[in-house]
Amino acid sequence: QGQLVESGGGLVQPGGSLRLSCAASGFTLKNYRIGWFRQAPGKEREGVSCISSSDGRTYYADSVKGRFTISRDNAKNTVYLQMNSLKPEDTAVYLCAADQWDPKPELVHVWWRRNGFDYWGRGTQVTVSS
């Protein structure tokens, strides 16, 4: 049975950086589109970033463009989310998900709203506060 495990969260001051990891076991991560999501208390789940399995194309929510970078290390079966210039509004539980459906670029917003991902991690807390 495959699983995803996130790590790297923590408490950071505004303007600081964190790197989140999403490690896969039991399946080959490069064959799946991997996405990072976040959920803050009282708010809906938000798609943050994802990376295509077919061509490595990356996608970002407008709220994180220019600050966050998603990358994949196939040898380590791990996807990373480098988060720079963090803001208090980035505070949330960050989760990664994997799905074999890897649609065209114009369907990324559909992908982010899916409910039937193949795998979900349990999340890691990111708190941005002074």
Protein backbone atom coordinates (compact mmCIF):
# COMPACT_ATOMS: atom_id res chain seq x y z
CA GLN A 1 0.00 0.00 0.00
CA GLY A 2 1.45 3.32 -1.04
CA GLN A 3 1.67 6.36 1.13
CA LEU A 4 2.87 9.95 1.18
CA VAL A 5 4.58 11.56 4.15
CA GLU A 6 5.13 15.31 4.42
CA SER A 7 7.83 16.93 6.53
CA GLY A 8 9.60 20.25 6.91
CA GLY A 9 6.89 22.39 8.41
CA GLY A 10 7.39 24.62 11.41
CA LEU A 11 7.27 28.12 12.81
CA VAL A 12 8.98 30.83 10.79
CA GLN A 13 9.01 34.62 10.87
CA PRO A 14 7.50 36.66 8.04
CA GLY A 15 9.96 36.87 5.19
CA GLY A 16 11.53 33.56 6.12
CA SER A 17 11.81 30.31 4.20
CA LEU A 18 10.92 26.66 4.60
CA ARG A 19 11.34 23.61 2.40
CA LEU A 20 8.63 20.99 2.58
CA SER A 21 9.20 17.40 1.51
CA CYS A 22 6.68 14.87 0.27
CA ALA A 23 8.18 11.39 0.33
CA ALA A 24 6.43 8.52 -1.40
CA SER A 25 6.66 4.85 -0.54
CA GLY A 26 5.03 1.86 -2.15
CA PHE A 27 4.71 3.50 -5.56
CA THR A 28 6.85 5.39 -8.05
CA LEU A 29 6.21 9.06 -7.59
CA LYS A 30 7.42 10.15 -11.03
CA ASN A 31 4.47 8.35 -12.62
CA TYR A 32 2.00 10.60 -10.80
CA ARG A 33 1.14 14.25 -10.88
CA ILE A 34 2.01 15.56 -7.43
CA GLY A 35 0.31 18.53 -5.89
CA TRP A 36 0.72 20.61 -2.79
CA PHE A 37 -2.40 21.88 -1.07
CA ARG A 38 -2.99 23.88 2.04
CA GLN A 39 -5.86 24.29 4.44
CA ALA A 40 -6.19 26.98 7.04
CA PRO A 41 -8.78 26.84 9.85
CA GLY A 42 -12.20 27.84 8.59
CA LYS A 43 -11.06 27.99 4.97
CA GLU A 44 -11.44 25.67 2.02
CA ARG A 45 -8.58 23.56 0.76
CA GLU A 46 -6.46 25.54 -1.67
CA GLY A 47 -4.28 24.19 -4.45
CA VAL A 48 -0.81 25.69 -4.10
CA SER A 49 1.37 24.01 -6.69
CA CYS A 50 1.66 20.86 -8.76
CA ILE A 51 4.10 19.18 -11.09
CA SER A 52 3.21 17.13 -14.13
CA SER A 53 4.36 13.53 -14.44
CA SER A 54 4.60 13.62 -18.22
CA ASP A 55 6.65 16.74 -18.88
CA GLY A 56 7.60 18.19 -15.49
CA ARG A 57 5.55 21.32 -16.14
CA THR A 58 4.88 23.20 -12.93
CA TYR A 59 1.84 25.18 -11.87
CA TYR A 60 1.32 27.69 -9.08
CA ALA A 61 -1.56 29.49 -7.46
CA ASP A 62 -1.42 33.23 -8.04
CA SER A 63 -0.97 33.77 -4.30
CA VAL A 64 2.39 31.97 -4.28
CA LYS A 65 3.83 32.68 -7.75
CA GLY A 66 7.36 34.00 -7.55
CA ARG A 67 7.75 32.84 -3.94
CA PHE A 68 7.24 29.06 -4.02
CA THR A 69 9.03 26.49 -6.16
CA ILE A 70 8.03 22.86 -6.62
CA SER A 71 10.60 20.27 -7.66
CA ARG A 72 10.94 16.52 -7.90
CA ASP A 73 13.84 14.19 -7.08
CA ASN A 74 13.03 10.90 -8.78
CA ALA A 75 16.00 9.13 -7.19
CA LYS A 76 14.65 9.93 -3.74
CA ASN A 77 11.01 9.45 -4.76
CA THR A 78 10.32 12.84 -3.20
CA VAL A 79 8.75 16.13 -4.21
CA TYR A 80 9.75 19.39 -2.56
CA LEU A 81 8.11 22.75 -2.06
CA GLN A 82 10.57 25.56 -1.46
CA MET A 83 8.74 28.45 0.17
CA ASN A 84 10.41 31.86 0.32
CA SER A 85 9.24 35.28 1.45
CA LEU A 86 6.65 33.67 3.66
CA LYS A 87 3.69 35.72 4.82
CA PRO A 88 1.31 35.25 7.76
CA GLU A 89 -1.43 34.36 5.29
CA ASP A 90 0.63 31.32 4.23
CA THR A 91 -0.10 29.76 7.63
CA ALA A 92 -1.90 26.45 7.10
CA VAL A 93 -1.55 22.70 7.11
CA TYR A 94 0.24 21.75 3.90
CA LEU A 95 -0.62 18.42 2.31
CA CYS A 96 0.65 16.64 -0.75
CA ALA A 97 -1.38 14.44 -3.04
CA ALA A 98 -0.62 12.13 -5.94
CA ASP A 99 -2.82 11.21 -8.87
CA GLN A 100 -2.26 9.36 -12.10
CA TRP A 101 -4.48 11.75 -14.04
CA ASP A 102 -2.11 14.23 -15.63
CA PRO A 103 -4.28 16.57 -17.73
CA LYS A 104 -3.47 19.30 -20.21
CA PRO A 105 -2.37 22.67 -18.79
CA GLU A 106 -5.79 24.25 -19.35
CA LEU A 107 -7.34 21.70 -16.95
CA VAL A 108 -5.06 22.35 -13.97
CA HIS A 109 -7.86 24.10 -12.10
CA VAL A 110 -10.05 21.03 -12.56
CA TRP A 111 -7.24 18.84 -11.25
CA TRP A 112 -6.87 20.96 -8.12
CA ARG A 113 -10.56 20.58 -7.34
CA ARG A 114 -10.60 16.79 -7.64
CA ASN A 115 -11.75 14.72 -4.68
CA GLY A 116 -10.51 11.35 -5.83
CA PHE A 117 -6.74 11.57 -5.63
CA ASP A 118 -4.93 8.27 -5.47
CA TYR A 119 -2.87 9.20 -2.41
CA TRP A 120 -2.90 11.90 0.25
CA GLY A 121 -0.42 12.68 2.95
CA ARG A 122 -1.43 13.67 6.46
CA GLY A 123 0.03 17.15 6.28
CA THR A 124 2.61 19.32 7.97
CA GLN A 125 1.85 22.54 9.84
CA VAL A 126 3.37 25.78 8.60
CA THR A 127 3.01 28.81 10.86
CA VAL A 128 4.27 32.22 9.79
CA SER A 129 4.33 34.60 12.72
CA SER A 130 6.58 37.10 14.45
